[in-house]
Amino acid sequence: MESVVSSGMAAEATSLSEQVHGTSWHIVSLTVTPPNGSPMHPAGRNPTGYTIFDRTGHFITMTSNPDAPKFASDNLHTGTDAELRAAWQGLLSAFGTYKVDDKSNTLIMHVEGANFPNWIGTDLHVVPALQGNRMTWTNPQGAAKAPVVLIWERLR
């Protein structure tokens, strides 16, 4: 999740650490733009989800598509291939530890677990753009090998 977006500081906080430690964020949008240029919304046009950075240095992030079709069997383990695919493609989740580098305005998330196994054991570097209660992560080469933009809103 490396970002090319610079960080804008909220008026009430002087450092990225102060703006992130102990905060919770609700997803506003998640957009992937593949090489063909048509934006996709893998978690739907109105995704649900949260990212939480606790004061002990742990994070958890999860977004999902509330419009994914329900499993006809009503059983997680017996969904059809199409049901499983739709549910999986609308899901983004990871958890682990994080630290903030205030000098570079970088949020570094060490992934201990994720639904995308390639992230496990890696560090995701994010330079968030913060404007008021909004935080934007832009990754020019996301897990889908296409630019990804996530917009979060701080919970108060």
N, C-alpha and C. Protein backbone atom coordinates (compact mmCIF):
# COMPACT_ATOMS: atom_id res chain seq x y z
N MET A 1 0.81 -1.18 0.00
CA MET A 1 0.00 0.00 0.00
C MET A 1 0.86 1.25 0.00
N GLU A 2 1.92 1.31 -0.74
CA GLU A 2 2.72 2.51 -0.79
C GLU A 2 1.95 3.60 -1.47
N SER A 3 2.11 4.81 -0.98
CA SER A 3 1.34 5.90 -1.51
C SER A 3 2.24 6.95 -2.14
N VAL A 4 1.69 7.64 -3.11
CA VAL A 4 2.40 8.75 -3.72
C VAL A 4 1.74 10.07 -3.33
N VAL A 5 0.79 10.01 -2.43
CA VAL A 5 0.07 11.20 -2.01
C VAL A 5 0.74 11.79 -0.79
N SER A 6 0.94 13.11 -0.78
CA SER A 6 1.56 13.73 0.38
C SER A 6 0.53 13.92 1.47
N SER A 7 1.02 14.09 2.68
CA SER A 7 0.14 14.19 3.84
C SER A 7 -0.22 15.64 4.12
N GLY A 8 -1.49 15.91 4.31
CA GLY A 8 -1.94 17.22 4.76
C GLY A 8 -2.30 17.10 6.24
N MET A 9 -1.87 18.03 7.07
CA MET A 9 -2.07 17.92 8.51
C MET A 9 -3.39 18.53 8.95
N ALA A 10 -4.08 17.83 9.82
CA ALA A 10 -5.29 18.36 10.42
C ALA A 10 -4.90 19.48 11.38
N ALA A 11 -5.75 20.46 11.54
CA ALA A 11 -5.42 21.63 12.35
C ALA A 11 -5.13 21.27 13.79
N GLU A 12 -5.82 20.28 14.34
CA GLU A 12 -5.68 19.99 15.76
C GLU A 12 -4.50 19.06 16.08
N ALA A 13 -3.85 18.49 15.09
CA ALA A 13 -2.73 17.58 15.33
C ALA A 13 -1.50 18.09 14.61
N THR A 14 -0.33 17.85 15.23
CA THR A 14 0.89 18.37 14.63
C THR A 14 1.73 17.29 13.97
N SER A 15 1.43 16.03 14.20
CA SER A 15 2.22 14.96 13.59
C SER A 15 1.30 13.84 13.14
N LEU A 16 1.82 13.03 12.23
CA LEU A 16 1.06 11.87 11.78
C LEU A 16 0.75 10.96 12.96
N SER A 17 1.72 10.77 13.86
CA SER A 17 1.50 9.93 15.05
C SER A 17 0.27 10.39 15.82
N GLU A 18 0.18 11.70 16.06
CA GLU A 18 -0.94 12.24 16.82
C GLU A 18 -2.27 12.05 16.09
N GLN A 19 -2.22 12.01 14.77
CA GLN A 19 -3.44 11.87 13.99
C GLN A 19 -3.87 10.41 13.84
N VAL A 20 -2.96 9.46 14.08
CA VAL A 20 -3.26 8.05 13.82
C VAL A 20 -3.40 7.22 15.09
N HIS A 21 -2.47 7.35 16.05
CA HIS A 21 -2.51 6.51 17.25
C HIS A 21 -3.87 6.57 17.93
N GLY A 22 -4.46 5.40 18.15
CA GLY A 22 -5.71 5.31 18.87
C GLY A 22 -6.94 5.75 18.08
N THR A 23 -6.85 5.71 16.74
CA THR A 23 -7.99 6.16 15.93
C THR A 23 -8.67 5.00 15.22
N SER A 24 -9.91 5.25 14.88
CA SER A 24 -10.71 4.30 14.10
C SER A 24 -11.25 5.05 12.89
N TRP A 25 -11.31 4.33 11.77
CA TRP A 25 -11.73 4.92 10.50
C TRP A 25 -12.76 4.04 9.83
N HIS A 26 -13.74 4.66 9.20
CA HIS A 26 -14.77 3.95 8.44
C HIS A 26 -14.48 4.16 6.96
N ILE A 27 -14.63 3.10 6.16
CA ILE A 27 -14.36 3.19 4.73
C ILE A 27 -15.42 4.05 4.04
N VAL A 28 -14.98 4.93 3.17
CA VAL A 28 -15.88 5.74 2.35
C VAL A 28 -15.91 5.18 0.94
N SER A 29 -14.73 4.85 0.41
CA SER A 29 -14.68 4.27 -0.94
C SER A 29 -13.39 3.50 -1.13
N LEU A 30 -13.47 2.54 -2.05
CA LEU A 30 -12.32 1.73 -2.46
C LEU A 30 -12.45 1.58 -3.98
N THR A 31 -11.49 2.15 -4.69
CA THR A 31 -11.54 2.15 -6.15
C THR A 31 -10.25 1.57 -6.71
N VAL A 32 -10.39 0.63 -7.66
CA VAL A 32 -9.27 0.05 -8.38
C VAL A 32 -9.42 0.46 -9.83
N THR A 33 -8.34 0.99 -10.42
CA THR A 33 -8.39 1.38 -11.82
C THR A 33 -7.42 0.52 -12.62
N PRO A 34 -7.92 -0.51 -13.29
CA PRO A 34 -7.06 -1.40 -14.07
C PRO A 34 -6.55 -0.70 -15.34
N PRO A 35 -5.62 -1.35 -16.03
CA PRO A 35 -5.02 -0.74 -17.22
C PRO A 35 -6.03 -0.27 -18.27
N ASN A 36 -7.20 -0.90 -18.35
CA ASN A 36 -8.18 -0.47 -19.35
C ASN A 36 -8.85 0.85 -18.98
N GLY A 37 -8.56 1.36 -17.77
CA GLY A 37 -9.04 2.66 -17.36
C GLY A 37 -10.42 2.73 -16.78
N SER A 38 -11.18 1.64 -16.76
CA SER A 38 -12.52 1.63 -16.19
C SER A 38 -12.44 1.34 -14.70
N PRO A 39 -12.78 2.31 -13.84
CA PRO A 39 -12.70 2.08 -12.39
C PRO A 39 -13.61 0.94 -11.95
N MET A 40 -13.10 0.15 -11.00
CA MET A 40 -13.85 -0.95 -10.41
C MET A 40 -14.01 -0.66 -8.92
N HIS A 41 -15.06 -1.19 -8.35
CA HIS A 41 -15.34 -1.03 -6.93
C HIS A 41 -15.52 -2.42 -6.34
N PRO A 42 -14.40 -3.12 -6.01
CA PRO A 42 -14.49 -4.51 -5.56
C PRO A 42 -15.31 -4.70 -4.29
N ALA A 43 -15.43 -3.65 -3.48
CA ALA A 43 -16.24 -3.75 -2.26
C ALA A 43 -17.58 -3.04 -2.47
N GLY A 44 -17.97 -2.85 -3.72
CA GLY A 44 -19.22 -2.21 -4.04
C GLY A 44 -19.11 -0.69 -4.02
N ARG A 45 -20.16 -0.04 -4.45
CA ARG A 45 -20.16 1.43 -4.49
C ARG A 45 -20.35 2.03 -3.11
N ASN A 46 -20.84 1.24 -2.17
CA ASN A 46 -21.03 1.69 -0.78
C ASN A 46 -20.41 0.66 0.16
N PRO A 47 -19.08 0.55 0.15
CA PRO A 47 -18.44 -0.50 0.95
C PRO A 47 -18.64 -0.28 2.45
N THR A 48 -18.49 -1.37 3.18
CA THR A 48 -18.50 -1.29 4.64
C THR A 48 -17.12 -1.72 5.13
N GLY A 49 -16.72 -1.19 6.24
CA GLY A 49 -15.45 -1.62 6.79
C GLY A 49 -14.81 -0.58 7.69
N TYR A 50 -13.77 -1.04 8.38
CA TYR A 50 -13.07 -0.20 9.33
C TYR A 50 -11.57 -0.47 9.28
N THR A 51 -10.81 0.55 9.67
CA THR A 51 -9.40 0.40 9.99
C THR A 51 -9.22 0.99 11.38
N ILE A 52 -8.57 0.24 12.24
CA ILE A 52 -8.37 0.67 13.62
C ILE A 52 -6.88 0.59 13.95
N PHE A 53 -6.34 1.70 14.46
CA PHE A 53 -4.96 1.77 14.93
C PHE A 53 -5.01 1.98 16.44
N ASP A 54 -4.74 0.92 17.22
CA ASP A 54 -4.86 1.10 18.67
C ASP A 54 -3.60 1.71 19.25
N ARG A 55 -3.67 2.07 20.51
CA ARG A 55 -2.54 2.75 21.16
C ARG A 55 -1.40 1.80 21.52
N THR A 56 -1.61 0.48 21.36
CA THR A 56 -0.54 -0.47 21.66
C THR A 56 0.29 -0.81 20.42
N GLY A 57 -0.04 -0.20 19.28
CA GLY A 57 0.73 -0.44 18.06
C GLY A 57 0.18 -1.56 17.20
N HIS A 58 -1.08 -1.92 17.38
CA HIS A 58 -1.72 -2.96 16.56
C HIS A 58 -2.75 -2.32 15.65
N PHE A 59 -2.94 -2.93 14.48
CA PHE A 59 -3.96 -2.46 13.56
C PHE A 59 -4.78 -3.63 13.05
N ILE A 60 -5.97 -3.31 12.60
CA ILE A 60 -6.80 -4.27 11.88
C ILE A 60 -7.57 -3.47 10.85
N THR A 61 -7.67 -4.01 9.66
CA THR A 61 -8.43 -3.35 8.61
C THR A 61 -9.27 -4.39 7.88
N MET A 62 -10.50 -4.00 7.59
CA MET A 62 -11.38 -4.92 6.87
C MET A 62 -12.43 -4.13 6.13
N THR A 63 -12.57 -4.43 4.86
CA THR A 63 -13.65 -3.86 4.07
C THR A 63 -14.37 -5.01 3.37
N SER A 64 -15.65 -4.81 3.12
CA SER A 64 -16.40 -5.84 2.41
C SER A 64 -17.51 -5.19 1.59
N ASN A 65 -18.05 -5.98 0.69
CA ASN A 65 -19.11 -5.53 -0.19
C ASN A 65 -20.45 -5.95 0.41
N PRO A 66 -21.24 -4.99 0.89
CA PRO A 66 -22.53 -5.34 1.50
C PRO A 66 -23.54 -5.89 0.49
N ASP A 67 -23.24 -5.72 -0.80
CA ASP A 67 -24.16 -6.19 -1.85
C ASP A 67 -23.78 -7.54 -2.42
N ALA A 68 -22.76 -8.20 -1.84
CA ALA A 68 -22.40 -9.54 -2.31
C ALA A 68 -23.61 -10.46 -2.10
N PRO A 69 -23.85 -11.37 -3.04
CA PRO A 69 -25.02 -12.24 -2.90
C PRO A 69 -24.92 -13.15 -1.68
N LYS A 70 -26.04 -13.34 -1.04
CA LYS A 70 -26.12 -14.28 0.10
C LYS A 70 -25.94 -15.70 -0.42
N PHE A 71 -25.38 -16.57 0.41
CA PHE A 71 -25.20 -17.98 0.04
C PHE A 71 -26.55 -18.68 0.14
N ALA A 72 -26.98 -19.29 -0.94
CA ALA A 72 -28.28 -19.99 -0.97
C ALA A 72 -28.34 -21.07 0.11
N SER A 73 -27.20 -21.73 0.40
CA SER A 73 -27.17 -22.80 1.39
C SER A 73 -27.20 -22.28 2.82
N ASP A 74 -26.95 -20.98 3.00
CA ASP A 74 -26.84 -20.37 4.32
C ASP A 74 -25.73 -21.02 5.15
N ASN A 75 -24.70 -21.56 4.45
CA ASN A 75 -23.60 -22.24 5.10
C ASN A 75 -22.29 -21.75 4.48
N LEU A 76 -21.43 -21.19 5.31
CA LEU A 76 -20.15 -20.64 4.85
C LEU A 76 -19.33 -21.64 4.04
N HIS A 77 -19.40 -22.91 4.40
CA HIS A 77 -18.54 -23.93 3.79
C HIS A 77 -19.14 -24.60 2.56
N THR A 78 -20.38 -24.26 2.22
CA THR A 78 -21.00 -24.91 1.05
C THR A 78 -21.51 -23.91 0.03
N GLY A 79 -20.91 -22.70 0.00
CA GLY A 79 -21.28 -21.73 -1.02
C GLY A 79 -20.87 -22.23 -2.39
N THR A 80 -21.59 -21.77 -3.40
CA THR A 80 -21.22 -22.14 -4.77
C THR A 80 -19.94 -21.40 -5.15
N ASP A 81 -19.30 -21.83 -6.22
CA ASP A 81 -18.09 -21.14 -6.68
C ASP A 81 -18.37 -19.67 -6.93
N ALA A 82 -19.51 -19.35 -7.55
CA ALA A 82 -19.85 -17.96 -7.84
C ALA A 82 -20.07 -17.17 -6.55
N GLU A 83 -20.75 -17.78 -5.56
CA GLU A 83 -20.98 -17.09 -4.29
C GLU A 83 -19.67 -16.84 -3.56
N LEU A 84 -18.81 -17.84 -3.51
CA LEU A 84 -17.51 -17.70 -2.84
C LEU A 84 -16.65 -16.65 -3.53
N ARG A 85 -16.64 -16.67 -4.85
CA ARG A 85 -15.84 -15.71 -5.62
C ARG A 85 -16.32 -14.28 -5.35
N ALA A 86 -17.63 -14.06 -5.40
CA ALA A 86 -18.17 -12.72 -5.16
C ALA A 86 -17.85 -12.24 -3.75
N ALA A 87 -17.98 -13.11 -2.78
CA ALA A 87 -17.68 -12.74 -1.39
C ALA A 87 -16.19 -12.43 -1.23
N TRP A 88 -15.35 -13.27 -1.80
CA TRP A 88 -13.90 -13.11 -1.66
C TRP A 88 -13.41 -11.85 -2.36
N GLN A 89 -13.91 -11.59 -3.56
CA GLN A 89 -13.44 -10.43 -4.32
C GLN A 89 -13.87 -9.11 -3.69
N GLY A 90 -14.89 -9.13 -2.86
CA GLY A 90 -15.33 -7.92 -2.19
C GLY A 90 -14.71 -7.73 -0.83
N LEU A 91 -13.77 -8.59 -0.45
CA LEU A 91 -13.18 -8.56 0.88
C LEU A 91 -11.72 -8.13 0.84
N LEU A 92 -11.35 -7.25 1.75
CA LEU A 92 -9.96 -6.87 1.94
C LEU A 92 -9.74 -6.82 3.45
N SER A 93 -8.84 -7.66 3.95
CA SER A 93 -8.61 -7.66 5.39
C SER A 93 -7.14 -7.93 5.70
N ALA A 94 -6.67 -7.31 6.77
CA ALA A 94 -5.30 -7.52 7.24
C ALA A 94 -5.23 -7.08 8.70
N PHE A 95 -4.28 -7.65 9.43
CA PHE A 95 -4.04 -7.23 10.81
C PHE A 95 -2.57 -7.44 11.13
N GLY A 96 -2.13 -6.74 12.17
CA GLY A 96 -0.73 -6.87 12.60
C GLY A 96 -0.35 -5.71 13.48
N THR A 97 0.89 -5.27 13.33
CA THR A 97 1.40 -4.16 14.11
C THR A 97 1.70 -2.99 13.17
N TYR A 98 1.77 -1.81 13.76
CA TYR A 98 2.09 -0.64 12.94
C TYR A 98 3.01 0.29 13.71
N LYS A 99 3.69 1.13 12.95
CA LYS A 99 4.46 2.21 13.53
C LYS A 99 4.35 3.39 12.58
N VAL A 100 4.62 4.57 13.13
CA VAL A 100 4.53 5.79 12.35
C VAL A 100 5.90 6.42 12.30
N ASP A 101 6.34 6.78 11.10
CA ASP A 101 7.58 7.53 10.91
C ASP A 101 7.17 8.97 10.61
N ASP A 102 7.26 9.81 11.64
CA ASP A 102 6.82 11.19 11.48
C ASP A 102 7.72 11.98 10.53
N LYS A 103 8.99 11.60 10.43
CA LYS A 103 9.90 12.33 9.53
C LYS A 103 9.47 12.20 8.08
N SER A 104 9.03 11.02 7.69
CA SER A 104 8.62 10.79 6.29
C SER A 104 7.10 10.76 6.13
N ASN A 105 6.37 11.03 7.23
CA ASN A 105 4.90 10.94 7.22
C ASN A 105 4.44 9.61 6.67
N THR A 106 5.08 8.54 7.12
CA THR A 106 4.77 7.20 6.63
C THR A 106 4.19 6.34 7.74
N LEU A 107 3.15 5.63 7.39
CA LEU A 107 2.53 4.64 8.26
C LEU A 107 3.02 3.29 7.76
N ILE A 108 3.65 2.52 8.64
CA ILE A 108 4.21 1.22 8.26
C ILE A 108 3.44 0.14 9.00
N MET A 109 2.75 -0.70 8.22
CA MET A 109 1.94 -1.76 8.81
C MET A 109 2.60 -3.10 8.53
N HIS A 110 3.02 -3.80 9.59
CA HIS A 110 3.59 -5.14 9.46
C HIS A 110 2.44 -6.14 9.52
N VAL A 111 2.22 -6.84 8.42
CA VAL A 111 1.06 -7.72 8.29
C VAL A 111 1.35 -9.10 8.89
N GLU A 112 0.57 -9.49 9.88
CA GLU A 112 0.68 -10.81 10.49
C GLU A 112 -0.32 -11.79 9.88
N GLY A 113 -1.44 -11.27 9.39
CA GLY A 113 -2.47 -12.09 8.76
C GLY A 113 -3.26 -11.25 7.78
N ALA A 114 -3.73 -11.88 6.70
CA ALA A 114 -4.49 -11.17 5.68
C ALA A 114 -5.23 -12.16 4.79
N ASN A 115 -6.28 -11.69 4.14
CA ASN A 115 -6.95 -12.57 3.19
C ASN A 115 -6.16 -12.66 1.89
N PHE A 116 -5.21 -11.76 1.67
CA PHE A 116 -4.29 -11.85 0.54
C PHE A 116 -2.97 -12.38 1.11
N PRO A 117 -2.69 -13.69 0.97
CA PRO A 117 -1.54 -14.30 1.62
C PRO A 117 -0.19 -13.67 1.27
N ASN A 118 -0.08 -13.04 0.12
CA ASN A 118 1.18 -12.42 -0.29
C ASN A 118 1.60 -11.28 0.64
N TRP A 119 0.66 -10.70 1.38
CA TRP A 119 0.98 -9.62 2.31
C TRP A 119 1.53 -10.14 3.63
N ILE A 120 1.25 -11.37 3.99
CA ILE A 120 1.63 -11.89 5.30
C ILE A 120 3.15 -11.88 5.44
N GLY A 121 3.61 -11.28 6.55
CA GLY A 121 5.04 -11.17 6.81
C GLY A 121 5.70 -9.98 6.14
N THR A 122 4.93 -9.15 5.45
CA THR A 122 5.50 -7.99 4.77
C THR A 122 5.12 -6.71 5.49
N ASP A 123 5.80 -5.63 5.12
CA ASP A 123 5.48 -4.30 5.62
C ASP A 123 4.81 -3.51 4.51
N LEU A 124 3.64 -2.99 4.80
CA LEU A 124 2.94 -2.11 3.85
C LEU A 124 3.22 -0.68 4.26
N HIS A 125 3.74 0.10 3.35
CA HIS A 125 4.09 1.50 3.62
C HIS A 125 3.03 2.40 3.00
N VAL A 126 2.43 3.25 3.83
CA VAL A 126 1.39 4.15 3.38
C VAL A 126 1.78 5.57 3.78
N VAL A 127 1.70 6.49 2.84
CA VAL A 127 1.85 7.91 3.13
C VAL A 127 0.46 8.50 2.95
N PRO A 128 -0.29 8.57 4.04
CA PRO A 128 -1.68 9.00 3.91
C PRO A 128 -1.81 10.50 3.67
N ALA A 129 -2.79 10.87 2.89
CA ALA A 129 -3.17 12.27 2.74
C ALA A 129 -4.28 12.49 3.75
N LEU A 130 -4.04 13.36 4.71
CA LEU A 130 -5.02 13.65 5.76
C LEU A 130 -5.55 15.05 5.57
N GLN A 131 -6.86 15.14 5.50
CA GLN A 131 -7.50 16.44 5.37
C GLN A 131 -8.74 16.43 6.25
N GLY A 132 -8.66 17.15 7.36
CA GLY A 132 -9.75 17.13 8.32
C GLY A 132 -9.95 15.72 8.85
N ASN A 133 -11.15 15.17 8.72
CA ASN A 133 -11.44 13.82 9.19
C ASN A 133 -11.36 12.78 8.08
N ARG A 134 -10.73 13.13 6.96
CA ARG A 134 -10.58 12.20 5.83
C ARG A 134 -9.11 11.79 5.69
N MET A 135 -8.92 10.50 5.39
CA MET A 135 -7.58 9.98 5.14
C MET A 135 -7.65 9.19 3.83
N THR A 136 -6.75 9.50 2.90
CA THR A 136 -6.71 8.83 1.61
C THR A 136 -5.40 8.08 1.46
N TRP A 137 -5.53 6.80 1.09
CA TRP A 137 -4.36 5.98 0.75
C TRP A 137 -4.40 5.76 -0.74
N THR A 138 -3.32 6.07 -1.42
CA THR A 138 -3.24 5.81 -2.85
C THR A 138 -2.07 4.88 -3.09
N ASN A 139 -2.34 3.76 -3.72
CA ASN A 139 -1.30 2.78 -4.02
C ASN A 139 -1.24 2.62 -5.54
N PRO A 140 -0.17 3.07 -6.16
CA PRO A 140 -0.09 3.00 -7.62
C PRO A 140 -0.04 1.58 -8.16
N GLN A 141 0.29 0.60 -7.32
CA GLN A 141 0.39 -0.80 -7.78
C GLN A 141 -0.10 -1.70 -6.65
N GLY A 142 -1.41 -1.76 -6.46
CA GLY A 142 -2.00 -2.52 -5.37
C GLY A 142 -1.96 -4.02 -5.58
N ALA A 143 -2.61 -4.73 -4.69
CA ALA A 143 -2.65 -6.20 -4.74
C ALA A 143 -3.25 -6.69 -6.05
N ALA A 144 -4.08 -5.87 -6.69
CA ALA A 144 -4.68 -6.24 -7.97
C ALA A 144 -3.79 -5.85 -9.14
N LYS A 145 -2.57 -5.40 -8.84
CA LYS A 145 -1.61 -4.95 -9.87
C LYS A 145 -2.18 -3.80 -10.68
N ALA A 146 -2.95 -2.95 -10.01
CA ALA A 146 -3.54 -1.77 -10.61
C ALA A 146 -3.65 -0.71 -9.51
N PRO A 147 -3.70 0.56 -9.89
CA PRO A 147 -3.82 1.62 -8.88
C PRO A 147 -5.08 1.47 -8.02
N VAL A 148 -4.89 1.67 -6.70
CA VAL A 148 -5.97 1.54 -5.72
C VAL A 148 -6.03 2.81 -4.89
N VAL A 149 -7.23 3.31 -4.67
CA VAL A 149 -7.43 4.47 -3.80
C VAL A 149 -8.47 4.10 -2.75
N LEU A 150 -8.10 4.22 -1.48
CA LEU A 150 -9.02 4.00 -0.37
C LEU A 150 -9.21 5.32 0.35
N ILE A 151 -10.46 5.67 0.62
CA ILE A 151 -10.76 6.88 1.37
C ILE A 151 -11.46 6.46 2.65
N TRP A 152 -10.94 6.98 3.78
CA TRP A 152 -11.45 6.65 5.11
C TRP A 152 -11.94 7.92 5.78
N GLU A 153 -12.91 7.77 6.67
CA GLU A 153 -13.38 8.89 7.47
C GLU A 153 -13.21 8.53 8.95
N ARG A 154 -12.61 9.45 9.69
CA ARG A 154 -12.35 9.22 11.12
C ARG A 154 -13.65 9.10 11.89
N LEU A 155 -13.72 8.11 12.78
CA LEU A 155 -14.85 7.98 13.68
C LEU A 155 -14.59 8.82 14.90
N ARG A 156 -15.58 9.50 15.36
CA ARG A 156 -15.42 10.36 16.54
C ARG A 156 -16.26 9.84 17.68
